[in-house]
Amino acid sequence: MTNLQDPSLRVSGVVGALLLDKEEQRVVPHEETISQGFERWVTSLAASHMNIDPIIGLSGSRDLSPLLQRSGNVRRRVVDGDGWVHTVSDIVDAEQVRAISLVIAERPVSLADGHHRYHAALAFASNLGASKDDPAGSILAFVSTSDGRGLGIHPFHRLVPALGTIDIQSLRQDFVVTPGQPAPPQRPGSIVLLTGDDTWHLAPHPTHLMAMPSPWRRASSAVAQTLLYPHLGVTEADCAYTTSIEVALSHADGGAPALLMAPLDGSTIAEAGRLGLRFPQKTTFFAPKPRAGVVLRAIG
């Protein structure tokens, strides 16, 4: 995928059949999921017997990028509404195909996008009694690298319900609290609290992070869930989500707090996958995404 306005922005990956893994040893969801919407994907699979929208996986292997070279013809080239050119090319060299398969298999693949589709595929395969050798035992996937040269990883911000006055002094028990700017923080694990009247930068005390797994310390969503929500008297279920800073600012201007989150890097997601950890729901979104329908895969 190449950006029309800035051709230096490029994302490469391989599209193919990824074996389903109900044990979550080889394919690891990287965050908790919201159950709503799962059933429609099961219905779609049962009706079409077709994968039309690839899930996105991140490989923690540094050896994948050099292998992502076209060795065959260009099949399709599609320009989406966001100004990205999606080019699908064949990989026909048998040794290259084998090398890509081995590299992807050597480390867990972190399921970055398409959790509902993945679990729907597991349910569909189970209903059919499909084995790993059957078409339904795999799913169409776009696998990219987690080394910073792959997909852009962006945060979901939190919209908190109206709380009244927030005791900023109490937050100092767990955070270094300083006046901040109404923009997402760059330091991993930090949070910007918007109250409408004020903006505060919250940097967790390092000693208070030690009880958390290493990848969670660098995830603002996990820091909020563990250290901040108890001060605010809310849980994850109380929050709404947005990818828009403008929406978060408007929410805060309306009298309810908003939390701007720092971006999470691919190496942290890969580390969490190796440890079998999941981040809180709606921690990240990925862009650009492969477009549905560009590659189709029949599953019997």
C-alpha atoms as a PDB file:
ATOM      1  CA  MET A   1       0.000   0.000   0.000  1.00  0.00           C
ATOM      2  CA  THR A   2       1.363   3.412  -1.025  1.00  0.00           C
ATOM      3  CA  ASN A   3       0.081   6.870  -0.108  1.00  0.00           C
ATOM      4  CA  LEU A   4      -0.715   9.005  -3.157  1.00  0.00           C
ATOM      5  CA  GLN A   5       0.194  12.303  -1.487  1.00  0.00           C
ATOM      6  CA  ASP A   6       3.381  10.986   0.097  1.00  0.00           C
ATOM      7  CA  PRO A   7       4.801   7.980  -1.789  1.00  0.00           C
ATOM      8  CA  SER A   8       7.402   7.519   0.955  1.00  0.00           C
ATOM      9  CA  LEU A   9       4.552   6.181   3.109  1.00  0.00           C
ATOM     10  CA  ARG A  10       4.454   2.513   2.173  1.00  0.00           C
ATOM     11  CA  VAL A  11       3.138  -0.589   3.905  1.00  0.00           C
ATOM     12  CA  SER A  12       4.067  -4.080   2.764  1.00  0.00           C
ATOM     13  CA  GLY A  13       2.699  -7.413   3.841  1.00  0.00           C
ATOM     14  CA  VAL A  14       1.794 -10.849   2.606  1.00  0.00           C
ATOM     15  CA  VAL A  15      -1.759 -12.036   1.987  1.00  0.00           C
ATOM     16  CA  GLY A  16      -2.431 -15.721   2.436  1.00  0.00           C
ATOM     17  CA  ALA A  17      -4.171 -18.446   4.408  1.00  0.00           C
ATOM     18  CA  LEU A  18      -3.336 -18.312   8.123  1.00  0.00           C
ATOM     19  CA  LEU A  19      -4.049 -21.462  10.128  1.00  0.00           C
ATOM     20  CA  LEU A  20      -6.688 -20.993  12.801  1.00  0.00           C
ATOM     21  CA  ASP A  21      -5.461 -21.584  16.333  1.00  0.00           C
ATOM     22  CA  LYS A  22      -8.108 -22.093  18.997  1.00  0.00           C
ATOM     23  CA  GLU A  23      -5.387 -22.626  21.620  1.00  0.00           C
ATOM     24  CA  GLU A  24      -4.079 -19.079  21.002  1.00  0.00           C
ATOM     25  CA  GLN A  25      -0.462 -20.188  20.896  1.00  0.00           C
ATOM     26  CA  ARG A  26       0.419 -19.260  17.298  1.00  0.00           C
ATOM     27  CA  VAL A  27      -2.219 -16.574  16.679  1.00  0.00           C
ATOM     28  CA  VAL A  28      -2.685 -14.314  19.684  1.00  0.00           C
ATOM     29  CA  PRO A  29      -5.399 -11.635  20.021  1.00  0.00           C
ATOM     30  CA  HIS A  30      -3.627  -8.472  21.142  1.00  0.00           C
ATOM     31  CA  GLU A  31      -6.559  -6.890  22.991  1.00  0.00           C
ATOM     32  CA  GLU A  32      -9.838  -7.780  24.635  1.00  0.00           C
ATOM     33  CA  THR A  33     -12.853  -7.585  22.351  1.00  0.00           C
ATOM     34  CA  ILE A  34     -16.413  -6.372  22.602  1.00  0.00           C
ATOM     35  CA  SER A  35     -18.761  -9.287  21.915  1.00  0.00           C
ATOM     36  CA  GLN A  36     -21.230  -7.205  19.902  1.00  0.00           C
ATOM     37  CA  GLY A  37     -21.038  -7.927  16.168  1.00  0.00           C
ATOM     38  CA  PHE A  38     -19.621 -11.452  16.353  1.00  0.00           C
ATOM     39  CA  GLU A  39     -22.760 -13.223  15.122  1.00  0.00           C
ATOM     40  CA  ARG A  40     -23.032 -11.345  11.833  1.00  0.00           C
ATOM     41  CA  TRP A  41     -19.634 -12.627  10.749  1.00  0.00           C
ATOM     42  CA  VAL A  42     -20.643 -16.226  11.466  1.00  0.00           C
ATOM     43  CA  THR A  43     -23.791 -15.674   9.397  1.00  0.00           C
ATOM     44  CA  SER A  44     -21.744 -14.149   6.573  1.00  0.00           C
ATOM     45  CA  LEU A  45     -19.362 -17.123   6.470  1.00  0.00           C
ATOM     46  CA  ALA A  46     -22.217 -19.614   6.491  1.00  0.00           C
ATOM     47  CA  ALA A  47     -23.932 -17.800   3.613  1.00  0.00           C
ATOM     48  CA  SER A  48     -20.915 -17.087   1.407  1.00  0.00           C
ATOM     49  CA  HIS A  49     -18.329 -19.760   2.287  1.00  0.00           C
ATOM     50  CA  MET A  50     -15.869 -17.013   1.426  1.00  0.00           C
ATOM     51  CA  ASN A  51     -13.249 -14.856   3.157  1.00  0.00           C
ATOM     52  CA  ILE A  52     -13.710 -11.395   1.658  1.00  0.00           C
ATOM     53  CA  ASP A  53     -12.017  -9.158   4.226  1.00  0.00           C
ATOM     54  CA  PRO A  54      -8.550 -10.163   5.490  1.00  0.00           C
ATOM     55  CA  ILE A  55      -7.734  -9.999   9.150  1.00  0.00           C
ATOM     56  CA  ILE A  56      -4.489  -8.190  10.002  1.00  0.00           C
ATOM     57  CA  GLY A  57      -1.646  -9.912  11.807  1.00  0.00           C
ATOM     58  CA  LEU A  58       1.676  -8.553  13.033  1.00  0.00           C
ATOM     59  CA  SER A  59       4.774 -10.708  12.886  1.00  0.00           C
ATOM     60  CA  GLY A  60       7.500 -10.098  15.438  1.00  0.00           C
ATOM     61  CA  SER A  61      10.173 -11.506  13.126  1.00  0.00           C
ATOM     62  CA  ARG A  62      12.761  -9.099  11.742  1.00  0.00           C
ATOM     63  CA  ASP A  63      13.331 -11.501   8.859  1.00  0.00           C
ATOM     64  CA  LEU A  64       9.952 -10.910   7.212  1.00  0.00           C
ATOM     65  CA  SER A  65      10.531  -7.482   5.634  1.00  0.00           C
ATOM     66  CA  PRO A  66      13.356  -8.552   3.276  1.00  0.00           C
ATOM     67  CA  LEU A  67      11.171 -11.362   1.948  1.00  0.00           C
ATOM     68  CA  LEU A  68       8.272  -9.116   0.933  1.00  0.00           C
ATOM     69  CA  GLN A  69       9.334  -8.689  -2.682  1.00  0.00           C
ATOM     70  CA  ARG A  70       7.143  -9.298  -5.719  1.00  0.00           C
ATOM     71  CA  SER A  71       8.214 -12.313  -7.775  1.00  0.00           C
ATOM     72  CA  GLY A  72       5.242 -12.423 -10.131  1.00  0.00           C
ATOM     73  CA  ASN A  73       2.748 -10.220 -11.928  1.00  0.00           C
ATOM     74  CA  VAL A  74       0.640  -7.418 -10.492  1.00  0.00           C
ATOM     75  CA  ARG A  75      -2.891  -8.777 -10.121  1.00  0.00           C
ATOM     76  CA  ARG A  76      -4.829  -5.713  -8.996  1.00  0.00           C
ATOM     77  CA  ARG A  77      -4.288  -2.061  -8.204  1.00  0.00           C
ATOM     78  CA  VAL A  78      -7.042  -0.209  -6.322  1.00  0.00           C
ATOM     79  CA  VAL A  79      -7.133   3.374  -5.023  1.00  0.00           C
ATOM     80  CA  ASP A  80      -9.243   3.860  -1.901  1.00  0.00           C
ATOM     81  CA  GLY A  81     -11.053   6.973  -0.683  1.00  0.00           C
ATOM     82  CA  ASP A  82      -8.273   7.835   1.755  1.00  0.00           C
ATOM     83  CA  GLY A  83      -5.654   8.179  -0.957  1.00  0.00           C
ATOM     84  CA  TRP A  84      -3.935   4.805  -0.584  1.00  0.00           C
ATOM     85  CA  VAL A  85      -3.021   2.648  -3.573  1.00  0.00           C
ATOM     86  CA  HIS A  86      -3.509  -1.058  -2.843  1.00  0.00           C
ATOM     87  CA  THR A  87      -1.339  -3.173  -5.136  1.00  0.00           C
ATOM     88  CA  VAL A  88      -1.681  -6.959  -5.109  1.00  0.00           C
ATOM     89  CA  SER A  89       1.183  -8.880  -6.705  1.00  0.00           C
ATOM     90  CA  ASP A  90       1.923 -12.578  -7.052  1.00  0.00           C
ATOM     91  CA  ILE A  91       4.674 -14.344  -5.148  1.00  0.00           C
ATOM     92  CA  VAL A  92       5.473 -17.300  -7.381  1.00  0.00           C
ATOM     93  CA  ASP A  93       8.966 -18.291  -6.284  1.00  0.00           C
ATOM     94  CA  ALA A  94       8.569 -21.531  -4.323  1.00  0.00           C
ATOM     95  CA  GLU A  95      11.586 -20.886  -2.097  1.00  0.00           C
ATOM     96  CA  GLN A  96      10.333 -17.397  -1.291  1.00  0.00           C
ATOM     97  CA  VAL A  97       6.904 -18.772  -0.368  1.00  0.00           C
ATOM     98  CA  ARG A  98       8.534 -21.409   1.838  1.00  0.00           C
ATOM     99  CA  ALA A  99      10.784 -18.838   3.526  1.00  0.00           C
ATOM    100  CA  ILE A 100       7.855 -16.504   4.259  1.00  0.00           C
ATOM    101  CA  SER A 101       5.850 -19.379   5.734  1.00  0.00           C
ATOM    102  CA  LEU A 102       8.738 -20.435   7.978  1.00  0.00           C
ATOM    103  CA  VAL A 103       9.436 -16.894   9.182  1.00  0.00           C
ATOM    104  CA  ILE A 104       5.791 -16.241  10.058  1.00  0.00           C
ATOM    105  CA  ALA A 105       5.538 -19.601  11.830  1.00  0.00           C
ATOM    106  CA  GLU A 106       8.599 -19.032  14.025  1.00  0.00           C
ATOM    107  CA  ARG A 107       6.887 -16.465  16.296  1.00  0.00           C
ATOM    108  CA  PRO A 108       3.310 -15.858  17.433  1.00  0.00           C
ATOM    109  CA  VAL A 109       1.290 -13.661  15.090  1.00  0.00           C
ATOM    110  CA  SER A 110      -0.434 -10.862  16.998  1.00  0.00           C
ATOM    111  CA  LEU A 111      -3.999 -10.442  15.786  1.00  0.00           C
ATOM    112  CA  ALA A 112      -4.121  -6.701  15.181  1.00  0.00           C
ATOM    113  CA  ASP A 113      -7.467  -6.221  13.442  1.00  0.00           C
ATOM    114  CA  GLY A 114     -10.356  -8.572  12.747  1.00  0.00           C
ATOM    115  CA  HIS A 115     -10.848 -10.223  16.130  1.00  0.00           C
ATOM    116  CA  HIS A 116     -14.557 -10.812  15.468  1.00  0.00           C
ATOM    117  CA  ARG A 117     -13.871 -12.273  12.024  1.00  0.00           C
ATOM    118  CA  TYR A 118     -11.204 -14.544  13.469  1.00  0.00           C
ATOM    119  CA  HIS A 119     -13.421 -15.915  16.227  1.00  0.00           C
ATOM    120  CA  ALA A 120     -16.276 -16.283  13.749  1.00  0.00           C
ATOM    121  CA  ALA A 121     -13.956 -18.371  11.555  1.00  0.00           C
ATOM    122  CA  LEU A 122     -13.105 -20.553  14.553  1.00  0.00           C
ATOM    123  CA  ALA A 123     -16.813 -21.093  15.252  1.00  0.00           C
ATOM    124  CA  PHE A 124     -17.551 -21.796  11.583  1.00  0.00           C
ATOM    125  CA  ALA A 125     -14.704 -24.333  11.361  1.00  0.00           C
ATOM    126  CA  SER A 126     -15.924 -26.023  14.526  1.00  0.00           C
ATOM    127  CA  ASN A 127     -19.472 -26.247  13.169  1.00  0.00           C
ATOM    128  CA  LEU A 128     -18.136 -27.921  10.017  1.00  0.00           C
ATOM    129  CA  GLY A 129     -15.766 -30.194  11.894  1.00  0.00           C
ATOM    130  CA  ALA A 130     -12.991 -28.785   9.698  1.00  0.00           C
ATOM    131  CA  SER A 131      -9.403 -29.925  10.167  1.00  0.00           C
ATOM    132  CA  LYS A 132      -6.357 -27.718   9.688  1.00  0.00           C
ATOM    133  CA  ASP A 133      -5.973 -29.137   6.174  1.00  0.00           C
ATOM    134  CA  ASP A 134      -9.482 -28.073   5.150  1.00  0.00           C
ATOM    135  CA  PRO A 135      -9.979 -24.616   3.595  1.00  0.00           C
ATOM    136  CA  ALA A 136     -12.199 -23.641   6.543  1.00  0.00           C
ATOM    137  CA  GLY A 137      -9.319 -24.462   8.896  1.00  0.00           C
ATOM    138  CA  SER A 138      -7.566 -21.268   7.797  1.00  0.00           C
ATOM    139  CA  ILE A 139      -8.512 -17.632   7.310  1.00  0.00           C
ATOM    140  CA  LEU A 140      -7.500 -14.952   4.828  1.00  0.00           C
ATOM    141  CA  ALA A 141      -4.909 -12.742   6.522  1.00  0.00           C
ATOM    142  CA  PHE A 142      -2.659  -9.802   5.746  1.00  0.00           C
ATOM    143  CA  VAL A 143       0.523 -10.221   7.787  1.00  0.00           C
ATOM    144  CA  SER A 144       2.867  -7.275   8.160  1.00  0.00           C
ATOM    145  CA  THR A 145       5.844  -6.506  10.365  1.00  0.00           C
ATOM    146  CA  SER A 146       5.798  -5.047  13.875  1.00  0.00           C
ATOM    147  CA  ASP A 147       9.180  -3.331  13.524  1.00  0.00           C
ATOM    148  CA  GLY A 148       7.924   0.164  12.744  1.00  0.00           C
ATOM    149  CA  ARG A 149       8.068  -0.298   8.970  1.00  0.00           C
ATOM    150  CA  GLY A 150       4.596  -1.755   8.734  1.00  0.00           C
ATOM    151  CA  LEU A 151       1.124  -0.510   9.537  1.00  0.00           C
ATOM    152  CA  GLY A 152       0.529   2.736  11.383  1.00  0.00           C
ATOM    153  CA  ILE A 153      -0.637   2.064  14.951  1.00  0.00           C
ATOM    154  CA  HIS A 154      -2.893   4.697  16.511  1.00  0.00           C
ATOM    155  CA  PRO A 155      -4.648   4.999  19.887  1.00  0.00           C
ATOM    156  CA  PHE A 156      -8.302   5.010  20.823  1.00  0.00           C
ATOM    157  CA  HIS A 157      -9.028   7.848  23.249  1.00  0.00           C
ATOM    158  CA  ARG A 158     -11.439   7.473  26.173  1.00  0.00           C
ATOM    159  CA  LEU A 159     -14.626   9.484  26.718  1.00  0.00           C
ATOM    160  CA  VAL A 160     -15.494   9.312  30.409  1.00  0.00           C
ATOM    161  CA  PRO A 161     -18.994  10.074  31.776  1.00  0.00           C
ATOM    162  CA  ALA A 162     -19.541  13.305  33.706  1.00  0.00           C
ATOM    163  CA  LEU A 163     -17.993  12.980  37.166  1.00  0.00           C
ATOM    164  CA  GLY A 164     -18.248  16.380  38.799  1.00  0.00           C
ATOM    165  CA  THR A 165     -15.040  17.735  40.277  1.00  0.00           C
ATOM    166  CA  ILE A 166     -11.926  15.590  39.818  1.00  0.00           C
ATOM    167  CA  ASP A 167      -9.545  15.544  42.767  1.00  0.00           C
ATOM    168  CA  ILE A 168      -6.306  16.310  40.948  1.00  0.00           C
ATOM    169  CA  GLN A 169      -4.335  16.119  44.184  1.00  0.00           C
ATOM    170  CA  SER A 170      -5.352  12.477  44.686  1.00  0.00           C
ATOM    171  CA  LEU A 171      -4.007  11.615  41.230  1.00  0.00           C
ATOM    172  CA  ARG A 172      -0.529  12.583  42.433  1.00  0.00           C
ATOM    173  CA  GLN A 173      -0.490   9.380  44.464  1.00  0.00           C
ATOM    174  CA  ASP A 174       0.031   7.415  41.245  1.00  0.00           C
ATOM    175  CA  PHE A 175       1.076  10.022  38.681  1.00  0.00           C
ATOM    176  CA  VAL A 176       3.369  12.956  38.151  1.00  0.00           C
ATOM    177  CA  VAL A 177       0.705  15.546  37.321  1.00  0.00           C
ATOM    178  CA  THR A 178       1.683  18.632  35.330  1.00  0.00           C
ATOM    179  CA  PRO A 179      -0.228  21.124  33.158  1.00  0.00           C
ATOM    180  CA  GLY A 180      -0.373  19.717  29.653  1.00  0.00           C
ATOM    181  CA  GLN A 181      -1.301  20.467  26.064  1.00  0.00           C
ATOM    182  CA  PRO A 182      -4.544  19.196  24.472  1.00  0.00           C
ATOM    183  CA  ALA A 183      -2.725  16.663  22.312  1.00  0.00           C
ATOM    184  CA  PRO A 184      -1.972  12.950  22.687  1.00  0.00           C
ATOM    185  CA  PRO A 185       1.117  12.295  24.821  1.00  0.00           C
ATOM    186  CA  GLN A 186       4.153  10.760  23.176  1.00  0.00           C
ATOM    187  CA  ARG A 187       5.651   9.045  26.208  1.00  0.00           C
ATOM    188  CA  PRO A 188       4.452   5.412  26.319  1.00  0.00           C
ATOM    189  CA  GLY A 189       1.970   4.822  29.127  1.00  0.00           C
ATOM    190  CA  SER A 190       1.259   8.511  29.719  1.00  0.00           C
ATOM    191  CA  ILE A 191      -2.219  10.040  29.585  1.00  0.00           C
ATOM    192  CA  VAL A 192      -3.544  13.547  28.943  1.00  0.00           C
ATOM    193  CA  LEU A 193      -6.627  14.332  31.027  1.00  0.00           C
ATOM    194  CA  LEU A 194      -9.026  16.884  29.537  1.00  0.00           C
ATOM    195  CA  THR A 195     -11.531  18.356  31.981  1.00  0.00           C
ATOM    196  CA  GLY A 196     -12.895  21.170  29.825  1.00  0.00           C
ATOM    197  CA  ASP A 197     -11.383  23.836  32.066  1.00  0.00           C
ATOM    198  CA  ASP A 198      -7.902  22.350  32.380  1.00  0.00           C
ATOM    199  CA  THR A 199      -5.537  19.958  30.667  1.00  0.00           C
ATOM    200  CA  TRP A 200      -3.274  17.703  32.713  1.00  0.00           C
ATOM    201  CA  HIS A 201      -0.420  15.447  31.691  1.00  0.00           C
ATOM    202  CA  LEU A 202      -0.330  12.258  33.777  1.00  0.00           C
ATOM    203  CA  ALA A 203       2.945  10.321  33.857  1.00  0.00           C
ATOM    204  CA  PRO A 204       2.694   7.191  36.038  1.00  0.00           C
ATOM    205  CA  HIS A 205       5.228   6.822  38.831  1.00  0.00           C
ATOM    206  CA  PRO A 206       7.677   4.131  37.642  1.00  0.00           C
ATOM    207  CA  THR A 207       7.512   2.283  40.962  1.00  0.00           C
ATOM    208  CA  HIS A 208       3.735   2.003  40.609  1.00  0.00           C
ATOM    209  CA  LEU A 209       4.133   0.262  37.269  1.00  0.00           C
ATOM    210  CA  MET A 210       6.290  -2.563  38.557  1.00  0.00           C
ATOM    211  CA  ALA A 211       3.340  -4.810  39.417  1.00  0.00           C
ATOM    212  CA  MET A 212       2.163  -4.621  35.788  1.00  0.00           C
ATOM    213  CA  PRO A 213       3.534  -6.814  32.962  1.00  0.00           C
ATOM    214  CA  SER A 214       6.163  -5.005  30.922  1.00  0.00           C
ATOM    215  CA  PRO A 215       4.012  -4.419  27.789  1.00  0.00           C
ATOM    216  CA  TRP A 216       1.169  -3.036  29.917  1.00  0.00           C
ATOM    217  CA  ARG A 217       3.459  -0.397  31.424  1.00  0.00           C
ATOM    218  CA  ARG A 218       3.826   1.121  27.957  1.00  0.00           C
ATOM    219  CA  ALA A 219       0.107   1.055  27.117  1.00  0.00           C
ATOM    220  CA  SER A 220      -1.898   4.105  28.194  1.00  0.00           C
ATOM    221  CA  SER A 221      -5.108   2.077  28.157  1.00  0.00           C
ATOM    222  CA  ALA A 222      -3.682  -0.438  30.635  1.00  0.00           C
ATOM    223  CA  VAL A 223      -2.249   2.313  32.854  1.00  0.00           C
ATOM    224  CA  ALA A 224      -5.635   4.046  32.857  1.00  0.00           C
ATOM    225  CA  GLN A 225      -7.444   0.829  33.737  1.00  0.00           C
ATOM    226  CA  THR A 226      -5.012  -0.061  36.531  1.00  0.00           C
ATOM    227  CA  LEU A 227      -4.073   3.285  38.084  1.00  0.00           C
ATOM    228  CA  LEU A 228      -6.428   6.038  36.902  1.00  0.00           C
ATOM    229  CA  TYR A 229      -9.916   4.545  36.780  1.00  0.00           C
ATOM    230  CA  PRO A 230      -9.964   3.777  40.542  1.00  0.00           C
ATOM    231  CA  HIS A 231      -9.411   7.491  41.235  1.00  0.00           C
ATOM    232  CA  LEU A 232     -12.217   8.454  38.853  1.00  0.00           C
ATOM    233  CA  GLY A 233     -14.613   5.778  40.095  1.00  0.00           C
ATOM    234  CA  VAL A 234     -15.164   4.334  36.605  1.00  0.00           C
ATOM    235  CA  THR A 235     -14.469   1.082  34.781  1.00  0.00           C
ATOM    236  CA  GLU A 236     -13.732   0.313  31.141  1.00  0.00           C
ATOM    237  CA  ALA A 237     -17.409  -0.445  30.602  1.00  0.00           C
ATOM    238  CA  ASP A 238     -18.301   3.154  31.521  1.00  0.00           C
ATOM    239  CA  CYS A 239     -16.128   4.645  28.771  1.00  0.00           C
ATOM    240  CA  ALA A 240     -16.826   5.362  25.132  1.00  0.00           C
ATOM    241  CA  TYR A 241     -14.104   5.490  22.493  1.00  0.00           C
ATOM    242  CA  THR A 242     -12.987   7.769  19.707  1.00  0.00           C
ATOM    243  CA  THR A 243     -10.035   8.055  17.364  1.00  0.00           C
ATOM    244  CA  SER A 244     -10.679  11.784  16.923  1.00  0.00           C
ATOM    245  CA  ILE A 245      -8.922  14.378  19.071  1.00  0.00           C
ATOM    246  CA  GLU A 246     -11.604  16.894  18.079  1.00  0.00           C
ATOM    247  CA  VAL A 247     -14.356  14.610  19.405  1.00  0.00           C
ATOM    248  CA  ALA A 248     -12.445  14.173  22.673  1.00  0.00           C
ATOM    249  CA  LEU A 249     -12.013  17.949  23.042  1.00  0.00           C
ATOM    250  CA  SER A 250     -15.703  18.520  22.340  1.00  0.00           C
ATOM    251  CA  HIS A 251     -16.634  15.875  24.921  1.00  0.00           C
ATOM    252  CA  ALA A 252     -14.503  17.620  27.550  1.00  0.00           C
ATOM    253  CA  ASP A 253     -15.896  21.038  26.628  1.00  0.00           C
ATOM    254  CA  GLY A 254     -19.342  19.578  27.305  1.00  0.00           C
ATOM    255  CA  GLY A 255     -18.422  18.958  30.936  1.00  0.00           C
ATOM    256  CA  ALA A 256     -17.232  15.339  30.956  1.00  0.00           C
ATOM    257  CA  PRO A 257     -13.586  14.222  31.102  1.00  0.00           C
ATOM    258  CA  ALA A 258     -11.717  12.793  28.141  1.00  0.00           C
ATOM    259  CA  LEU A 259      -8.456  10.863  28.159  1.00  0.00           C
ATOM    260  CA  LEU A 260      -5.968  11.194  25.314  1.00  0.00           C
ATOM    261  CA  MET A 261      -3.777   8.125  24.970  1.00  0.00           C
ATOM    262  CA  ALA A 262      -0.215   7.689  23.742  1.00  0.00           C
ATOM    263  CA  PRO A 263       0.417   5.526  20.666  1.00  0.00           C
ATOM    264  CA  LEU A 264       1.567   1.952  21.165  1.00  0.00           C
ATOM    265  CA  ASP A 265       4.445   0.604  19.093  1.00  0.00           C
ATOM    266  CA  GLY A 266       4.544  -2.680  17.237  1.00  0.00           C
ATOM    267  CA  SER A 267       7.375  -4.135  19.296  1.00  0.00           C
ATOM    268  CA  THR A 268       5.252  -3.787  22.443  1.00  0.00           C
ATOM    269  CA  ILE A 269       2.369  -5.594  20.741  1.00  0.00           C
ATOM    270  CA  ALA A 270       4.741  -8.346  19.592  1.00  0.00           C
ATOM    271  CA  GLU A 271       6.140  -8.703  23.124  1.00  0.00           C
ATOM    272  CA  ALA A 272       2.622  -9.009  24.533  1.00  0.00           C
ATOM    273  CA  GLY A 273       1.912 -11.722  21.969  1.00  0.00           C
ATOM    274  CA  ARG A 274       4.961 -13.711  23.035  1.00  0.00           C
ATOM    275  CA  LEU A 275       3.803 -13.445  26.659  1.00  0.00           C
ATOM    276  CA  GLY A 276       0.179 -14.307  25.846  1.00  0.00           C
ATOM    277  CA  LEU A 277      -1.082 -10.947  27.151  1.00  0.00           C
ATOM    278  CA  ARG A 278      -4.024  -8.902  25.932  1.00  0.00           C
ATOM    279  CA  PHE A 279      -4.404  -5.153  26.203  1.00  0.00           C
ATOM    280  CA  PRO A 280      -7.727  -3.591  27.248  1.00  0.00           C
ATOM    281  CA  GLN A 281     -10.367  -3.364  24.551  1.00  0.00           C
ATOM    282  CA  LYS A 282     -10.069  -0.561  22.013  1.00  0.00           C
ATOM    283  CA  THR A 283      -6.407   0.102  22.718  1.00  0.00           C
ATOM    284  CA  THR A 284      -5.329   0.519  19.090  1.00  0.00           C
ATOM    285  CA  PHE A 285      -6.496   0.903  15.542  1.00  0.00           C
ATOM    286  CA  PHE A 286      -4.396   0.295  12.458  1.00  0.00           C
ATOM    287  CA  ALA A 287      -4.139   2.249   9.223  1.00  0.00           C
ATOM    288  CA  PRO A 288      -4.134   1.851   6.343  1.00  0.00           C
ATOM    289  CA  LYS A 289      -6.101  -1.380   6.137  1.00  0.00           C
ATOM    290  CA  PRO A 290      -6.328  -3.758   3.187  1.00  0.00           C
ATOM    291  CA  ARG A 291      -9.659  -3.216   1.494  1.00  0.00           C
ATOM    292  CA  ALA A 292     -12.340  -5.889   1.589  1.00  0.00           C
ATOM    293  CA  GLY A 293     -12.964  -7.638  -1.706  1.00  0.00           C
ATOM    294  CA  VAL A 294      -9.553  -6.970  -3.254  1.00  0.00           C
ATOM    295  CA  VAL A 295      -8.535 -10.571  -2.505  1.00  0.00           C
ATOM    296  CA  LEU A 296     -11.135 -13.321  -2.073  1.00  0.00           C
ATOM    297  CA  ARG A 297     -10.627 -16.804  -0.638  1.00  0.00           C
ATOM    298  CA  ALA A 298     -13.094 -19.674  -0.974  1.00  0.00           C
ATOM    299  CA  ILE A 299     -13.452 -21.886   2.099  1.00  0.00           C
ATOM    300  CA  GLY A 300     -15.551 -24.673   0.643  1.00  0.00           C
END
